[in-house]
Protein backbone atom coordinates (compact mmCIF):
# COMPACT_ATOMS: atom_id res chain seq x y z
CA UNK A 1 0.00 0.00 0.00
CA UNK A 2 1.32 3.41 -0.95
CA UNK A 3 2.08 5.79 1.88
CA UNK A 4 0.18 9.05 1.60
CA UNK A 5 2.20 12.05 0.50
CA UNK A 6 1.92 15.80 0.25
CA UNK A 7 3.75 17.33 -2.70
CA UNK A 8 4.51 21.05 -2.64
CA UNK A 9 5.52 22.59 -5.97
CA UNK A 10 7.31 25.79 -5.01
CA UNK A 11 9.45 28.63 -6.36
CA UNK A 12 9.28 32.37 -6.90
CA UNK A 13 6.43 33.51 -9.21
CA UNK A 14 6.52 32.81 -12.98
CA UNK A 15 9.02 29.93 -12.77
CA UNK A 16 6.48 27.55 -14.33
CA UNK A 17 4.93 26.04 -11.18
CA UNK A 18 1.39 25.88 -12.51
CA UNK A 19 2.22 24.14 -15.78
CA UNK A 20 4.56 21.69 -14.04
CA UNK A 21 2.05 21.03 -11.25
CA UNK A 22 -0.77 20.29 -13.66
CA UNK A 23 1.38 18.01 -15.82
CA UNK A 24 2.52 16.06 -12.74
CA UNK A 25 -1.04 15.83 -11.40
CA UNK A 26 -2.30 14.49 -14.74
CA UNK A 27 0.31 11.74 -14.71
CA UNK A 28 0.03 10.68 -11.06
CA UNK A 29 -2.70 8.38 -9.78
CA UNK A 30 -4.97 9.08 -6.80
CA UNK A 31 -3.99 12.75 -6.61
CA UNK A 32 -5.86 15.85 -5.46
CA UNK A 33 -4.58 19.02 -7.17
CA UNK A 34 -4.84 22.34 -5.29
CA UNK A 35 -3.73 25.75 -6.57
CA UNK A 36 -3.44 28.72 -4.23
CA UNK A 37 -4.34 31.03 -7.13
CA UNK A 38 -7.88 29.63 -6.92
CA UNK A 39 -8.25 31.89 -3.87
CA UNK A 40 -7.42 35.08 -5.82
CA UNK A 41 -11.06 36.09 -6.59
CA UNK A 42 -11.81 35.94 -2.86
CA UNK A 43 -8.64 37.90 -2.09
CA UNK A 44 -9.60 40.57 -4.64
CA UNK A 45 -12.93 41.01 -2.84
CA UNK A 46 -11.00 41.64 0.39
CA UNK A 47 -9.00 44.35 -1.38
CA UNK A 48 -12.24 45.89 -2.71
CA UNK A 49 -14.07 45.69 0.63
CA UNK A 50 -11.13 47.43 2.32
CA UNK A 51 -10.95 50.12 -0.37
CA UNK A 52 -7.41 49.06 -1.28
CA UNK A 53 -5.87 48.72 -4.74
CA UNK A 54 -5.17 45.16 -5.83
CA UNK A 55 -1.47 44.85 -5.10
CA UNK A 56 -0.17 41.48 -3.96
CA UNK A 57 3.15 43.09 -3.02
CA UNK A 58 1.57 45.70 -0.72
CA UNK A 59 1.86 45.95 3.05
CA UNK A 60 -1.95 45.53 3.24
CA UNK A 61 -1.73 42.19 1.41
CA UNK A 62 1.17 40.98 3.54
CA UNK A 63 -0.58 41.94 6.79
CA UNK A 64 -4.19 40.94 6.09
CA UNK A 65 -4.25 38.32 3.33
CA UNK A 66 -1.04 36.48 2.50
CA UNK A 67 -0.69 34.15 5.48
CA UNK A 68 -4.41 33.34 5.45
CA UNK A 69 -4.24 32.20 1.83
CA UNK A 70 -1.53 29.72 2.84
CA UNK A 71 -3.41 28.63 5.95
CA UNK A 72 -6.51 27.84 3.87
CA UNK A 73 -4.72 25.97 1.09
CA UNK A 74 -2.70 23.89 3.58
CA UNK A 75 -5.82 23.05 5.59
CA UNK A 76 -7.62 22.01 2.40
CA UNK A 77 -4.65 19.81 1.51
CA UNK A 78 -4.51 18.15 4.92
CA UNK A 79 -8.23 17.46 4.78
CA UNK A 80 -7.95 15.99 1.28
CA UNK A 81 -5.41 13.43 2.55
CA UNK A 82 -8.30 11.80 4.43
CA UNK A 83 -9.82 10.88 1.08
CA UNK A 84 -6.96 10.19 -1.32
CA UNK A 85 -3.30 9.13 -1.38
CA UNK A 86 -1.53 12.18 -2.83
CA UNK A 87 -2.18 15.90 -2.50
CA UNK A 88 -0.24 18.27 -4.76
CA UNK A 89 -0.28 21.95 -3.81
CA UNK A 90 0.87 24.55 -6.33
CA UNK A 91 1.98 27.68 -4.44
CA UNK A 92 5.17 29.73 -3.98
CA UNK A 93 5.54 29.02 -0.21
CA UNK A 94 8.40 31.52 -0.45
CA UNK A 95 8.59 32.27 3.27
CA UNK A 96 7.38 28.94 4.63
CA UNK A 97 9.94 26.70 2.95
CA UNK A 98 12.74 28.84 4.36
CA UNK A 99 11.40 28.28 7.89
CA UNK A 100 12.60 25.18 9.70
CA UNK A 101 9.87 25.61 12.32
CA UNK A 102 7.13 25.74 9.65
CA UNK A 103 8.48 22.60 7.97
CA UNK A 104 8.81 20.75 11.29
CA UNK A 105 5.25 21.68 12.30
CA UNK A 106 3.94 20.79 8.84
CA UNK A 107 5.64 17.41 8.98
CA UNK A 108 4.07 16.71 12.37
CA UNK A 109 0.63 17.36 10.88
CA UNK A 110 1.42 15.13 7.90
CA UNK A 111 2.80 12.38 10.12
CA UNK A 112 -0.49 12.36 12.04
CA UNK A 113 -2.17 11.59 8.71
CA UNK A 114 0.37 8.87 7.89
CA UNK A 115 1.79 11.06 5.13
CA UNK A 116 5.26 12.20 4.03
CA UNK A 117 6.38 15.46 2.45
CA UNK A 118 7.94 15.94 -0.98
CA UNK A 119 9.01 19.45 -2.02
CA UNK A 120 9.67 20.28 -5.66
CA UNK A 121 11.68 23.49 -6.09
CA UNK A 122 11.40 24.86 -9.64
CA UNK A 123 14.72 26.30 -10.84
CA UNK A 124 14.28 28.93 -13.56
CA UNK A 125 16.41 31.82 -14.83
CA UNK A 126 15.16 35.24 -13.64
CA UNK A 127 14.95 36.69 -17.16
CA UNK A 128 12.91 33.67 -18.31
CA UNK A 129 10.52 34.41 -15.41
CA UNK A 130 10.28 38.03 -16.56
CA UNK A 131 9.40 36.95 -20.11
CA UNK A 132 6.82 34.45 -18.84
CA UNK A 133 5.20 37.02 -16.58
CA UNK A 134 4.85 39.41 -19.51
CA UNK A 135 3.43 36.63 -21.68
CA UNK A 136 0.82 35.45 -19.16
CA UNK A 137 -0.52 39.03 -18.93
CA UNK A 138 -2.24 38.58 -15.56
CA UNK A 139 -3.67 41.39 -13.42
CA UNK A 140 -1.89 39.89 -10.41
CA UNK A 141 1.43 40.78 -12.08
CA UNK A 142 0.66 44.39 -13.05
CA UNK A 143 2.47 45.98 -10.11
CA UNK A 144 5.37 43.53 -10.37
CA UNK A 145 5.97 44.28 -14.04
CA UNK A 146 5.63 48.03 -13.57
CA UNK A 147 8.20 47.89 -10.75
CA UNK A 148 10.28 44.96 -12.00
CA UNK A 149 13.66 45.90 -10.52
CA UNK A 150 12.09 46.61 -7.12
CA UNK A 151 10.02 43.43 -7.22
CA UNK A 152 12.73 41.03 -8.44
CA UNK A 153 15.04 42.38 -5.73
CA UNK A 154 12.64 40.96 -3.13
CA UNK A 155 12.64 37.46 -4.63
CA UNK A 156 15.08 34.80 -3.49
CA UNK A 157 15.88 32.31 -6.26
CA UNK A 158 18.36 30.33 -4.16
CA UNK A 159 17.46 26.80 -3.07
CA UNK A 160 16.02 27.13 0.47
CA UNK A 161 18.53 25.90 3.03
CA UNK A 162 15.96 24.09 5.25
CA UNK A 163 14.96 21.95 2.28
CA UNK A 164 18.52 20.65 1.94
CA UNK A 165 18.34 19.05 5.39
CA UNK A 166 17.01 15.72 4.22
CA UNK A 167 17.45 14.21 7.66
CA UNK A 168 14.39 16.29 8.50
CA UNK A 169 12.42 13.76 6.50
CA UNK A 170 11.30 15.82 3.53
CA UNK A 171 12.59 14.96 0.09
CA UNK A 172 13.77 17.87 -2.03
CA UNK A 173 13.43 17.48 -5.78
CA UNK A 174 14.85 20.13 -8.13
CA UNK A 175 12.86 20.70 -11.34
CA UNK A 176 14.91 22.65 -13.88
CA UNK A 177 12.66 24.70 -16.16
CA UNK A 178 14.53 27.40 -18.10
CA UNK A 179 14.08 25.59 -21.42
CA UNK A 180 11.94 22.86 -22.95
CA UNK A 181 14.93 20.49 -22.86
CA UNK A 182 15.37 21.08 -19.12
CA UNK A 183 11.64 20.60 -18.55
CA UNK A 184 11.53 17.27 -20.42
CA UNK A 185 14.59 15.94 -18.59
CA UNK A 186 13.31 16.98 -15.15
CA UNK A 187 9.85 15.53 -15.79
CA UNK A 188 11.40 12.19 -16.83
CA UNK A 189 13.54 12.12 -13.67
CA UNK A 190 11.05 13.36 -11.07
CA UNK A 191 7.81 11.61 -12.03
CA UNK A 192 9.13 8.09 -11.23
CA UNK A 193 10.37 9.32 -7.83
CA UNK A 194 6.91 10.64 -6.98
CA UNK A 195 5.30 7.38 -8.10
CA UNK A 196 7.56 5.28 -5.85
CA UNK A 197 6.01 3.89 -2.71
CA UNK A 198 7.48 5.63 0.30
C-alpha atoms as a PDB file:
ATOM      1  CA  UNK A   1       0.000   0.000   0.000  1.00  0.00           C
ATOM      2  CA  UNK A   2       1.318   3.410  -0.951  1.00  0.00           C
ATOM      3  CA  UNK A   3       2.082   5.786   1.884  1.00  0.00           C
ATOM      4  CA  UNK A   4       0.183   9.053   1.603  1.00  0.00           C
ATOM      5  CA  UNK A   5       2.199  12.052   0.500  1.00  0.00           C
ATOM      6  CA  UNK A   6       1.918  15.799   0.254  1.00  0.00           C
ATOM      7  CA  UNK A   7       3.752  17.326  -2.701  1.00  0.00           C
ATOM      8  CA  UNK A   8       4.508  21.052  -2.638  1.00  0.00           C
ATOM      9  CA  UNK A   9       5.519  22.588  -5.970  1.00  0.00           C
ATOM     10  CA  UNK A  10       7.313  25.786  -5.006  1.00  0.00           C
ATOM     11  CA  UNK A  11       9.454  28.627  -6.363  1.00  0.00           C
ATOM     12  CA  UNK A  12       9.278  32.370  -6.898  1.00  0.00           C
ATOM     13  CA  UNK A  13       6.432  33.506  -9.214  1.00  0.00           C
ATOM     14  CA  UNK A  14       6.521  32.807 -12.982  1.00  0.00           C
ATOM     15  CA  UNK A  15       9.021  29.934 -12.773  1.00  0.00           C
ATOM     16  CA  UNK A  16       6.479  27.554 -14.325  1.00  0.00           C
ATOM     17  CA  UNK A  17       4.935  26.037 -11.183  1.00  0.00           C
ATOM     18  CA  UNK A  18       1.386  25.882 -12.507  1.00  0.00           C
ATOM     19  CA  UNK A  19       2.224  24.142 -15.782  1.00  0.00           C
ATOM     20  CA  UNK A  20       4.560  21.693 -14.040  1.00  0.00           C
ATOM     21  CA  UNK A  21       2.055  21.031 -11.251  1.00  0.00           C
ATOM     22  CA  UNK A  22      -0.775  20.290 -13.661  1.00  0.00           C
ATOM     23  CA  UNK A  23       1.376  18.013 -15.816  1.00  0.00           C
ATOM     24  CA  UNK A  24       2.520  16.065 -12.744  1.00  0.00           C
ATOM     25  CA  UNK A  25      -1.040  15.828 -11.399  1.00  0.00           C
ATOM     26  CA  UNK A  26      -2.300  14.488 -14.744  1.00  0.00           C
ATOM     27  CA  UNK A  27       0.309  11.738 -14.707  1.00  0.00           C
ATOM     28  CA  UNK A  28       0.032  10.682 -11.063  1.00  0.00           C
ATOM     29  CA  UNK A  29      -2.703   8.377  -9.780  1.00  0.00           C
ATOM     30  CA  UNK A  30      -4.970   9.085  -6.803  1.00  0.00           C
ATOM     31  CA  UNK A  31      -3.993  12.745  -6.608  1.00  0.00           C
ATOM     32  CA  UNK A  32      -5.860  15.853  -5.459  1.00  0.00           C
ATOM     33  CA  UNK A  33      -4.583  19.024  -7.168  1.00  0.00           C
ATOM     34  CA  UNK A  34      -4.837  22.337  -5.290  1.00  0.00           C
ATOM     35  CA  UNK A  35      -3.734  25.749  -6.573  1.00  0.00           C
ATOM     36  CA  UNK A  36      -3.441  28.721  -4.228  1.00  0.00           C
ATOM     37  CA  UNK A  37      -4.336  31.028  -7.129  1.00  0.00           C
ATOM     38  CA  UNK A  38      -7.882  29.630  -6.923  1.00  0.00           C
ATOM     39  CA  UNK A  39      -8.250  31.893  -3.871  1.00  0.00           C
ATOM     40  CA  UNK A  40      -7.417  35.080  -5.816  1.00  0.00           C
ATOM     41  CA  UNK A  41     -11.055  36.094  -6.593  1.00  0.00           C
ATOM     42  CA  UNK A  42     -11.809  35.940  -2.862  1.00  0.00           C
ATOM     43  CA  UNK A  43      -8.642  37.902  -2.087  1.00  0.00           C
ATOM     44  CA  UNK A  44      -9.601  40.569  -4.636  1.00  0.00           C
ATOM     45  CA  UNK A  45     -12.934  41.005  -2.837  1.00  0.00           C
ATOM     46  CA  UNK A  46     -11.003  41.637   0.391  1.00  0.00           C
ATOM     47  CA  UNK A  47      -9.002  44.355  -1.382  1.00  0.00           C
ATOM     48  CA  UNK A  48     -12.240  45.889  -2.714  1.00  0.00           C
ATOM     49  CA  UNK A  49     -14.071  45.693   0.630  1.00  0.00           C
ATOM     50  CA  UNK A  50     -11.134  47.434   2.321  1.00  0.00           C
ATOM     51  CA  UNK A  51     -10.946  50.115  -0.373  1.00  0.00           C
ATOM     52  CA  UNK A  52      -7.409  49.056  -1.284  1.00  0.00           C
ATOM     53  CA  UNK A  53      -5.873  48.723  -4.742  1.00  0.00           C
ATOM     54  CA  UNK A  54      -5.171  45.160  -5.835  1.00  0.00           C
ATOM     55  CA  UNK A  55      -1.473  44.849  -5.102  1.00  0.00           C
ATOM     56  CA  UNK A  56      -0.167  41.475  -3.956  1.00  0.00           C
ATOM     57  CA  UNK A  57       3.148  43.094  -3.024  1.00  0.00           C
ATOM     58  CA  UNK A  58       1.566  45.702  -0.723  1.00  0.00           C
ATOM     59  CA  UNK A  59       1.857  45.945   3.051  1.00  0.00           C
ATOM     60  CA  UNK A  60      -1.947  45.531   3.240  1.00  0.00           C
ATOM     61  CA  UNK A  61      -1.728  42.195   1.412  1.00  0.00           C
ATOM     62  CA  UNK A  62       1.165  40.978   3.544  1.00  0.00           C
ATOM     63  CA  UNK A  63      -0.581  41.940   6.790  1.00  0.00           C
ATOM     64  CA  UNK A  64      -4.186  40.941   6.086  1.00  0.00           C
ATOM     65  CA  UNK A  65      -4.247  38.323   3.329  1.00  0.00           C
ATOM     66  CA  UNK A  66      -1.036  36.480   2.496  1.00  0.00           C
ATOM     67  CA  UNK A  67      -0.692  34.151   5.477  1.00  0.00           C
ATOM     68  CA  UNK A  68      -4.406  33.339   5.452  1.00  0.00           C
ATOM     69  CA  UNK A  69      -4.239  32.196   1.833  1.00  0.00           C
ATOM     70  CA  UNK A  70      -1.526  29.723   2.840  1.00  0.00           C
ATOM     71  CA  UNK A  71      -3.409  28.627   5.951  1.00  0.00           C
ATOM     72  CA  UNK A  72      -6.508  27.844   3.875  1.00  0.00           C
ATOM     73  CA  UNK A  73      -4.716  25.967   1.085  1.00  0.00           C
ATOM     74  CA  UNK A  74      -2.696  23.886   3.576  1.00  0.00           C
ATOM     75  CA  UNK A  75      -5.821  23.051   5.594  1.00  0.00           C
ATOM     76  CA  UNK A  76      -7.619  22.005   2.397  1.00  0.00           C
ATOM     77  CA  UNK A  77      -4.653  19.812   1.511  1.00  0.00           C
ATOM     78  CA  UNK A  78      -4.506  18.149   4.916  1.00  0.00           C
ATOM     79  CA  UNK A  79      -8.231  17.465   4.778  1.00  0.00           C
ATOM     80  CA  UNK A  80      -7.952  15.994   1.281  1.00  0.00           C
ATOM     81  CA  UNK A  81      -5.413  13.432   2.551  1.00  0.00           C
ATOM     82  CA  UNK A  82      -8.298  11.805   4.427  1.00  0.00           C
ATOM     83  CA  UNK A  83      -9.824  10.879   1.075  1.00  0.00           C
ATOM     84  CA  UNK A  84      -6.962  10.187  -1.323  1.00  0.00           C
ATOM     85  CA  UNK A  85      -3.302   9.134  -1.379  1.00  0.00           C
ATOM     86  CA  UNK A  86      -1.532  12.184  -2.833  1.00  0.00           C
ATOM     87  CA  UNK A  87      -2.184  15.903  -2.497  1.00  0.00           C
ATOM     88  CA  UNK A  88      -0.243  18.271  -4.755  1.00  0.00           C
ATOM     89  CA  UNK A  89      -0.284  21.953  -3.815  1.00  0.00           C
ATOM     90  CA  UNK A  90       0.870  24.549  -6.330  1.00  0.00           C
ATOM     91  CA  UNK A  91       1.981  27.678  -4.436  1.00  0.00           C
ATOM     92  CA  UNK A  92       5.174  29.726  -3.979  1.00  0.00           C
ATOM     93  CA  UNK A  93       5.535  29.024  -0.207  1.00  0.00           C
ATOM     94  CA  UNK A  94       8.400  31.522  -0.449  1.00  0.00           C
ATOM     95  CA  UNK A  95       8.585  32.275   3.274  1.00  0.00           C
ATOM     96  CA  UNK A  96       7.378  28.936   4.627  1.00  0.00           C
ATOM     97  CA  UNK A  97       9.943  26.703   2.950  1.00  0.00           C
ATOM     98  CA  UNK A  98      12.739  28.844   4.360  1.00  0.00           C
ATOM     99  CA  UNK A  99      11.396  28.285   7.888  1.00  0.00           C
ATOM    100  CA  UNK A 100      12.599  25.183   9.702  1.00  0.00           C
ATOM    101  CA  UNK A 101       9.872  25.613  12.321  1.00  0.00           C
ATOM    102  CA  UNK A 102       7.128  25.740   9.650  1.00  0.00           C
ATOM    103  CA  UNK A 103       8.477  22.602   7.972  1.00  0.00           C
ATOM    104  CA  UNK A 104       8.805  20.754  11.288  1.00  0.00           C
ATOM    105  CA  UNK A 105       5.254  21.680  12.299  1.00  0.00           C
ATOM    106  CA  UNK A 106       3.936  20.789   8.844  1.00  0.00           C
ATOM    107  CA  UNK A 107       5.640  17.409   8.983  1.00  0.00           C
ATOM    108  CA  UNK A 108       4.071  16.707  12.374  1.00  0.00           C
ATOM    109  CA  UNK A 109       0.633  17.362  10.880  1.00  0.00           C
ATOM    110  CA  UNK A 110       1.425  15.128   7.903  1.00  0.00           C
ATOM    111  CA  UNK A 111       2.802  12.382  10.119  1.00  0.00           C
ATOM    112  CA  UNK A 112      -0.494  12.358  12.043  1.00  0.00           C
ATOM    113  CA  UNK A 113      -2.171  11.593   8.706  1.00  0.00           C
ATOM    114  CA  UNK A 114       0.369   8.867   7.889  1.00  0.00           C
ATOM    115  CA  UNK A 115       1.789  11.063   5.128  1.00  0.00           C
ATOM    116  CA  UNK A 116       5.259  12.200   4.026  1.00  0.00           C
ATOM    117  CA  UNK A 117       6.379  15.457   2.455  1.00  0.00           C
ATOM    118  CA  UNK A 118       7.942  15.938  -0.981  1.00  0.00           C
ATOM    119  CA  UNK A 119       9.005  19.447  -2.021  1.00  0.00           C
ATOM    120  CA  UNK A 120       9.666  20.282  -5.657  1.00  0.00           C
ATOM    121  CA  UNK A 121      11.684  23.493  -6.093  1.00  0.00           C
ATOM    122  CA  UNK A 122      11.405  24.864  -9.643  1.00  0.00           C
ATOM    123  CA  UNK A 123      14.724  26.299 -10.843  1.00  0.00           C
ATOM    124  CA  UNK A 124      14.278  28.932 -13.561  1.00  0.00           C
ATOM    125  CA  UNK A 125      16.411  31.816 -14.828  1.00  0.00           C
ATOM    126  CA  UNK A 126      15.161  35.236 -13.642  1.00  0.00           C
ATOM    127  CA  UNK A 127      14.954  36.687 -17.157  1.00  0.00           C
ATOM    128  CA  UNK A 128      12.915  33.670 -18.310  1.00  0.00           C
ATOM    129  CA  UNK A 129      10.522  34.408 -15.411  1.00  0.00           C
ATOM    130  CA  UNK A 130      10.282  38.034 -16.563  1.00  0.00           C
ATOM    131  CA  UNK A 131       9.401  36.951 -20.108  1.00  0.00           C
ATOM    132  CA  UNK A 132       6.824  34.447 -18.839  1.00  0.00           C
ATOM    133  CA  UNK A 133       5.198  37.017 -16.578  1.00  0.00           C
ATOM    134  CA  UNK A 134       4.847  39.414 -19.507  1.00  0.00           C
ATOM    135  CA  UNK A 135       3.430  36.632 -21.680  1.00  0.00           C
ATOM    136  CA  UNK A 136       0.815  35.447 -19.162  1.00  0.00           C
ATOM    137  CA  UNK A 137      -0.520  39.029 -18.933  1.00  0.00           C
ATOM    138  CA  UNK A 138      -2.243  38.581 -15.562  1.00  0.00           C
ATOM    139  CA  UNK A 139      -3.666  41.392 -13.424  1.00  0.00           C
ATOM    140  CA  UNK A 140      -1.888  39.885 -10.405  1.00  0.00           C
ATOM    141  CA  UNK A 141       1.432  40.784 -12.081  1.00  0.00           C
ATOM    142  CA  UNK A 142       0.656  44.387 -13.046  1.00  0.00           C
ATOM    143  CA  UNK A 143       2.466  45.984 -10.105  1.00  0.00           C
ATOM    144  CA  UNK A 144       5.369  43.530 -10.366  1.00  0.00           C
ATOM    145  CA  UNK A 145       5.973  44.281 -14.042  1.00  0.00           C
ATOM    146  CA  UNK A 146       5.628  48.031 -13.570  1.00  0.00           C
ATOM    147  CA  UNK A 147       8.202  47.889 -10.752  1.00  0.00           C
ATOM    148  CA  UNK A 148      10.277  44.956 -12.001  1.00  0.00           C
ATOM    149  CA  UNK A 149      13.655  45.905 -10.517  1.00  0.00           C
ATOM    150  CA  UNK A 150      12.092  46.613  -7.118  1.00  0.00           C
ATOM    151  CA  UNK A 151      10.017  43.428  -7.221  1.00  0.00           C
ATOM    152  CA  UNK A 152      12.729  41.029  -8.438  1.00  0.00           C
ATOM    153  CA  UNK A 153      15.036  42.380  -5.732  1.00  0.00           C
ATOM    154  CA  UNK A 154      12.635  40.958  -3.133  1.00  0.00           C
ATOM    155  CA  UNK A 155      12.637  37.459  -4.632  1.00  0.00           C
ATOM    156  CA  UNK A 156      15.085  34.801  -3.488  1.00  0.00           C
ATOM    157  CA  UNK A 157      15.881  32.309  -6.257  1.00  0.00           C
ATOM    158  CA  UNK A 158      18.362  30.327  -4.157  1.00  0.00           C
ATOM    159  CA  UNK A 159      17.462  26.801  -3.066  1.00  0.00           C
ATOM    160  CA  UNK A 160      16.021  27.134   0.467  1.00  0.00           C
ATOM    161  CA  UNK A 161      18.528  25.900   3.030  1.00  0.00           C
ATOM    162  CA  UNK A 162      15.962  24.087   5.252  1.00  0.00           C
ATOM    163  CA  UNK A 163      14.957  21.946   2.277  1.00  0.00           C
ATOM    164  CA  UNK A 164      18.518  20.654   1.937  1.00  0.00           C
ATOM    165  CA  UNK A 165      18.343  19.048   5.387  1.00  0.00           C
ATOM    166  CA  UNK A 166      17.012  15.718   4.217  1.00  0.00           C
ATOM    167  CA  UNK A 167      17.453  14.206   7.663  1.00  0.00           C
ATOM    168  CA  UNK A 168      14.391  16.286   8.504  1.00  0.00           C
ATOM    169  CA  UNK A 169      12.416  13.759   6.498  1.00  0.00           C
ATOM    170  CA  UNK A 170      11.298  15.825   3.530  1.00  0.00           C
ATOM    171  CA  UNK A 171      12.585  14.959   0.093  1.00  0.00           C
ATOM    172  CA  UNK A 172      13.770  17.874  -2.028  1.00  0.00           C
ATOM    173  CA  UNK A 173      13.426  17.482  -5.781  1.00  0.00           C
ATOM    174  CA  UNK A 174      14.850  20.129  -8.135  1.00  0.00           C
ATOM    175  CA  UNK A 175      12.862  20.700 -11.335  1.00  0.00           C
ATOM    176  CA  UNK A 176      14.913  22.647 -13.884  1.00  0.00           C
ATOM    177  CA  UNK A 177      12.657  24.703 -16.162  1.00  0.00           C
ATOM    178  CA  UNK A 178      14.526  27.402 -18.100  1.00  0.00           C
ATOM    179  CA  UNK A 179      14.081  25.587 -21.425  1.00  0.00           C
ATOM    180  CA  UNK A 180      11.936  22.859 -22.951  1.00  0.00           C
ATOM    181  CA  UNK A 181      14.925  20.491 -22.860  1.00  0.00           C
ATOM    182  CA  UNK A 182      15.367  21.083 -19.122  1.00  0.00           C
ATOM    183  CA  UNK A 183      11.644  20.597 -18.554  1.00  0.00           C
ATOM    184  CA  UNK A 184      11.532  17.274 -20.422  1.00  0.00           C
ATOM    185  CA  UNK A 185      14.593  15.938 -18.594  1.00  0.00           C
ATOM    186  CA  UNK A 186      13.312  16.979 -15.152  1.00  0.00           C
ATOM    187  CA  UNK A 187       9.855  15.532 -15.792  1.00  0.00           C
ATOM    188  CA  UNK A 188      11.400  12.193 -16.825  1.00  0.00           C
ATOM    189  CA  UNK A 189      13.544  12.116 -13.668  1.00  0.00           C
ATOM    190  CA  UNK A 190      11.050  13.361 -11.068  1.00  0.00           C
ATOM    191  CA  UNK A 191       7.811  11.613 -12.026  1.00  0.00           C
ATOM    192  CA  UNK A 192       9.125   8.094 -11.226  1.00  0.00           C
ATOM    193  CA  UNK A 193      10.367   9.316  -7.828  1.00  0.00           C
ATOM    194  CA  UNK A 194       6.910  10.637  -6.979  1.00  0.00           C
ATOM    195  CA  UNK A 195       5.304   7.378  -8.095  1.00  0.00           C
ATOM    196  CA  UNK A 196       7.558   5.278  -5.851  1.00  0.00           C
ATOM    197  CA  UNK A 197       6.009   3.888  -2.708  1.00  0.00           C
ATOM    198  CA  UNK A 198       7.485   5.630   0.305  1.00  0.00           C
END
